[in-house]
Amino acid sequence: MKNNWYYKSAEGIMAALWTTNPMTVALLKPTYTPNLDTHLTWADVSAQEVVGTGYTSPGQLLAGKPGTPVYNPGTDRTDLQANDSVWGPGASFTAHYAVIYDNSGSKPLWALVDFEADQTVSNGTFTLDWQSVGLLYIIPAP
């Protein structure tokens, strides 16, 4: 038996939360050890946040989220979009991960971005290019 969500149910609910809540991106140190099962809120990872020049805790709000979810009926996919996140000029720090979380209520974690290598900026600009690589998307299970 195969089950799927309708767009206005699971995808629509998640997308509505995305567009209305204060979604935030924070950078984490190379020493962070991800645990997708037990790290559930910002409090679980905040001790591993990057420290450096040009970076302010607890990360930055994701700006430019569309007022309504961007749904592609051809792929049955809902794209969660935002403007690029930029720290600098003059930023100096090293990060290995970015975490996206809802900065309201219990501050639940939504996603972990693994850069797959340490990323260092020294008196420069650090950019997460969400527009070209995408940020998050929701697609129903087949």
C-alpha atoms as a PDB file:
ATOM      1  CA  MET A   1       0.000   0.000   0.000  1.00  0.00           C
ATOM      2  CA  LYS A   2       1.343   3.412  -0.975  1.00  0.00           C
ATOM      3  CA  ASN A   3       0.497   6.597   0.929  1.00  0.00           C
ATOM      4  CA  ASN A   4       1.296  10.209   0.039  1.00  0.00           C
ATOM      5  CA  TRP A   5       0.608  13.595   1.554  1.00  0.00           C
ATOM      6  CA  TYR A   6      -1.445  16.096  -0.376  1.00  0.00           C
ATOM      7  CA  TYR A   7       0.303  19.410  -0.992  1.00  0.00           C
ATOM      8  CA  LYS A   8      -1.911  21.360   1.390  1.00  0.00           C
ATOM      9  CA  SER A   9      -1.286  18.909   4.208  1.00  0.00           C
ATOM     10  CA  ALA A  10       2.301  18.085   5.262  1.00  0.00           C
ATOM     11  CA  GLU A  11       4.109  20.103   2.600  1.00  0.00           C
ATOM     12  CA  GLY A  12       1.796  23.059   3.004  1.00  0.00           C
ATOM     13  CA  ILE A  13       2.048  23.032   6.797  1.00  0.00           C
ATOM     14  CA  MET A  14       5.862  22.917   6.749  1.00  0.00           C
ATOM     15  CA  ALA A  15       6.039  25.603   4.087  1.00  0.00           C
ATOM     16  CA  ALA A  16       3.645  27.830   6.060  1.00  0.00           C
ATOM     17  CA  LEU A  17       5.874  27.511   9.132  1.00  0.00           C
ATOM     18  CA  TRP A  18       8.878  28.357   6.969  1.00  0.00           C
ATOM     19  CA  THR A  19       7.344  31.532   5.589  1.00  0.00           C
ATOM     20  CA  THR A  20       5.918  32.870   8.875  1.00  0.00           C
ATOM     21  CA  ASN A  21       8.460  31.871  11.572  1.00  0.00           C
ATOM     22  CA  PRO A  22      11.842  33.548  12.238  1.00  0.00           C
ATOM     23  CA  MET A  23      14.064  30.975  10.531  1.00  0.00           C
ATOM     24  CA  THR A  24      17.731  31.453  11.374  1.00  0.00           C
ATOM     25  CA  VAL A  25      21.049  30.106  10.094  1.00  0.00           C
ATOM     26  CA  ALA A  26      23.987  29.689  12.468  1.00  0.00           C
ATOM     27  CA  LEU A  27      27.491  28.452  11.753  1.00  0.00           C
ATOM     28  CA  LEU A  28      29.060  25.649  13.784  1.00  0.00           C
ATOM     29  CA  LYS A  29      32.693  24.834  14.581  1.00  0.00           C
ATOM     30  CA  PRO A  30      34.693  22.018  13.005  1.00  0.00           C
ATOM     31  CA  THR A  31      34.653  20.293  16.427  1.00  0.00           C
ATOM     32  CA  TYR A  32      30.883  19.796  16.318  1.00  0.00           C
ATOM     33  CA  THR A  33      29.801  16.157  16.112  1.00  0.00           C
ATOM     34  CA  PRO A  34      26.369  15.947  14.472  1.00  0.00           C
ATOM     35  CA  ASN A  35      23.675  13.737  15.937  1.00  0.00           C
ATOM     36  CA  LEU A  36      20.493  13.987  13.884  1.00  0.00           C
ATOM     37  CA  ASP A  37      18.623  11.798  16.382  1.00  0.00           C
ATOM     38  CA  THR A  38      19.325  13.649  19.633  1.00  0.00           C
ATOM     39  CA  HIS A  39      20.115  17.228  18.602  1.00  0.00           C
ATOM     40  CA  LEU A  40      16.612  18.600  18.336  1.00  0.00           C
ATOM     41  CA  THR A  41      16.761  22.251  19.427  1.00  0.00           C
ATOM     42  CA  TRP A  42      19.152  25.189  19.272  1.00  0.00           C
ATOM     43  CA  ALA A  43      20.134  24.510  22.904  1.00  0.00           C
ATOM     44  CA  ASP A  44      21.545  21.124  21.807  1.00  0.00           C
ATOM     45  CA  VAL A  45      24.073  22.697  19.411  1.00  0.00           C
ATOM     46  CA  SER A  46      24.585  26.310  20.533  1.00  0.00           C
ATOM     47  CA  ALA A  47      27.798  25.541  22.469  1.00  0.00           C
ATOM     48  CA  GLN A  48      29.392  24.617  19.132  1.00  0.00           C
ATOM     49  CA  GLU A  49      28.606  27.920  17.453  1.00  0.00           C
ATOM     50  CA  VAL A  50      31.424  29.679  15.610  1.00  0.00           C
ATOM     51  CA  VAL A  51      33.267  32.427  17.449  1.00  0.00           C
ATOM     52  CA  GLY A  52      35.085  35.053  15.427  1.00  0.00           C
ATOM     53  CA  THR A  53      35.198  38.535  14.010  1.00  0.00           C
ATOM     54  CA  GLY A  54      32.163  39.492  11.949  1.00  0.00           C
ATOM     55  CA  TYR A  55      29.974  36.702  13.306  1.00  0.00           C
ATOM     56  CA  THR A  56      27.211  37.446  15.806  1.00  0.00           C
ATOM     57  CA  SER A  57      25.475  34.833  17.943  1.00  0.00           C
ATOM     58  CA  PRO A  58      22.936  33.257  17.449  1.00  0.00           C
ATOM     59  CA  GLY A  59      23.393  33.437  13.683  1.00  0.00           C
ATOM     60  CA  GLN A  60      21.282  35.523  11.348  1.00  0.00           C
ATOM     61  CA  LEU A  61      17.667  35.534  10.306  1.00  0.00           C
ATOM     62  CA  LEU A  62      16.998  34.182   6.846  1.00  0.00           C
ATOM     63  CA  ALA A  63      15.739  37.145   4.836  1.00  0.00           C
ATOM     64  CA  GLY A  64      13.819  37.212   1.599  1.00  0.00           C
ATOM     65  CA  LYS A  65      11.587  34.229   2.308  1.00  0.00           C
ATOM     66  CA  PRO A  66       8.608  34.357  -0.058  1.00  0.00           C
ATOM     67  CA  GLY A  67       5.292  35.259   1.536  1.00  0.00           C
ATOM     68  CA  THR A  68       3.703  32.135   0.132  1.00  0.00           C
ATOM     69  CA  PRO A  69       5.281  28.711  -0.375  1.00  0.00           C
ATOM     70  CA  VAL A  70       6.845  28.051  -3.770  1.00  0.00           C
ATOM     71  CA  TYR A  71       5.223  24.844  -4.999  1.00  0.00           C
ATOM     72  CA  ASN A  72       6.204  23.146  -8.265  1.00  0.00           C
ATOM     73  CA  PRO A  73       3.318  20.909  -9.366  1.00  0.00           C
ATOM     74  CA  GLY A  74       5.445  19.287 -12.086  1.00  0.00           C
ATOM     75  CA  THR A  75       7.765  17.762  -9.495  1.00  0.00           C
ATOM     76  CA  ASP A  76       5.343  17.799  -6.540  1.00  0.00           C
ATOM     77  CA  ARG A  77       8.056  19.693  -4.680  1.00  0.00           C
ATOM     78  CA  THR A  78       7.854  22.676  -2.346  1.00  0.00           C
ATOM     79  CA  ASP A  79      11.009  24.816  -2.329  1.00  0.00           C
ATOM     80  CA  LEU A  80      11.878  26.651   0.885  1.00  0.00           C
ATOM     81  CA  GLN A  81      13.763  29.711  -0.276  1.00  0.00           C
ATOM     82  CA  ALA A  82      15.651  32.652   1.221  1.00  0.00           C
ATOM     83  CA  ASN A  83      18.256  35.213   0.246  1.00  0.00           C
ATOM     84  CA  ASP A  84      21.931  34.328   0.529  1.00  0.00           C
ATOM     85  CA  SER A  85      23.434  34.583   4.032  1.00  0.00           C
ATOM     86  CA  VAL A  86      26.507  36.816   4.203  1.00  0.00           C
ATOM     87  CA  TRP A  87      28.980  37.591   6.989  1.00  0.00           C
ATOM     88  CA  GLY A  88      31.526  40.334   6.331  1.00  0.00           C
ATOM     89  CA  PRO A  89      33.403  42.081   4.905  1.00  0.00           C
ATOM     90  CA  GLY A  90      36.043  41.790   7.596  1.00  0.00           C
ATOM     91  CA  ALA A  91      34.875  38.393   8.851  1.00  0.00           C
ATOM     92  CA  SER A  92      37.421  35.944  10.312  1.00  0.00           C
ATOM     93  CA  PHE A  93      36.372  32.468  11.498  1.00  0.00           C
ATOM     94  CA  THR A  94      36.302  28.780  10.578  1.00  0.00           C
ATOM     95  CA  ALA A  95      33.084  26.791  10.181  1.00  0.00           C
ATOM     96  CA  HIS A  96      32.336  23.232   9.110  1.00  0.00           C
ATOM     97  CA  TYR A  97      28.538  23.231   9.417  1.00  0.00           C
ATOM     98  CA  ALA A  98      25.523  25.496   9.203  1.00  0.00           C
ATOM     99  CA  VAL A  99      22.347  24.767  11.127  1.00  0.00           C
ATOM    100  CA  ILE A 100      18.929  26.104  10.204  1.00  0.00           C
ATOM    101  CA  TYR A 101      16.464  26.495  13.041  1.00  0.00           C
ATOM    102  CA  ASP A 102      13.200  28.161  13.954  1.00  0.00           C
ATOM    103  CA  ASN A 103      14.205  30.966  16.316  1.00  0.00           C
ATOM    104  CA  SER A 104      10.902  30.939  18.197  1.00  0.00           C
ATOM    105  CA  GLY A 105       9.420  28.827  20.976  1.00  0.00           C
ATOM    106  CA  SER A 106      11.674  25.867  21.780  1.00  0.00           C
ATOM    107  CA  LYS A 107      13.877  26.756  18.767  1.00  0.00           C
ATOM    108  CA  PRO A 108      13.606  23.447  16.887  1.00  0.00           C
ATOM    109  CA  LEU A 109      16.357  22.494  14.461  1.00  0.00           C
ATOM    110  CA  TRP A 110      15.277  22.067  10.844  1.00  0.00           C
ATOM    111  CA  ALA A 111      18.398  21.183   8.894  1.00  0.00           C
ATOM    112  CA  LEU A 112      22.144  20.662   9.030  1.00  0.00           C
ATOM    113  CA  VAL A 113      24.416  21.730   6.185  1.00  0.00           C
ATOM    114  CA  ASP A 114      27.747  19.877   6.115  1.00  0.00           C
ATOM    115  CA  PHE A 115      30.384  21.791   4.161  1.00  0.00           C
ATOM    116  CA  GLU A 116      32.368  18.499   4.016  1.00  0.00           C
ATOM    117  CA  ALA A 117      35.538  20.430   4.897  1.00  0.00           C
ATOM    118  CA  ASP A 118      36.507  23.314   7.159  1.00  0.00           C
ATOM    119  CA  GLN A 119      35.673  26.657   5.576  1.00  0.00           C
ATOM    120  CA  THR A 120      37.873  29.528   6.715  1.00  0.00           C
ATOM    121  CA  VAL A 121      37.457  33.211   6.032  1.00  0.00           C
ATOM    122  CA  SER A 122      40.170  35.650   7.069  1.00  0.00           C
ATOM    123  CA  ASN A 123      39.268  39.348   6.996  1.00  0.00           C
ATOM    124  CA  GLY A 124      36.871  38.653   4.135  1.00  0.00           C
ATOM    125  CA  THR A 125      33.288  37.737   3.293  1.00  0.00           C
ATOM    126  CA  PHE A 126      31.664  34.373   3.997  1.00  0.00           C
ATOM    127  CA  THR A 127      28.585  33.655   1.862  1.00  0.00           C
ATOM    128  CA  LEU A 128      26.084  30.805   1.882  1.00  0.00           C
ATOM    129  CA  ASP A 129      24.783  30.952  -1.684  1.00  0.00           C
ATOM    130  CA  TRP A 130      21.264  29.632  -1.130  1.00  0.00           C
ATOM    131  CA  GLN A 131      20.007  30.825  -4.506  1.00  0.00           C
ATOM    132  CA  SER A 132      22.326  28.654  -6.597  1.00  0.00           C
ATOM    133  CA  VAL A 133      22.420  25.510  -4.426  1.00  0.00           C
ATOM    134  CA  GLY A 134      18.951  25.741  -2.907  1.00  0.00           C
ATOM    135  CA  LEU A 135      18.174  25.865   0.770  1.00  0.00           C
ATOM    136  CA  LEU A 136      15.621  23.203   1.627  1.00  0.00           C
ATOM    137  CA  TYR A 137      12.797  21.504  -0.164  1.00  0.00           C
ATOM    138  CA  ILE A 138       9.951  19.201   0.741  1.00  0.00           C
ATOM    139  CA  ILE A 139       8.955  16.338  -1.494  1.00  0.00           C
ATOM    140  CA  PRO A 140       6.445  13.623  -0.594  1.00  0.00           C
ATOM    141  CA  ALA A 141       7.710  10.066  -0.320  1.00  0.00           C
ATOM    142  CA  PRO A 142       6.919   7.885  -3.355  1.00  0.00           C
END
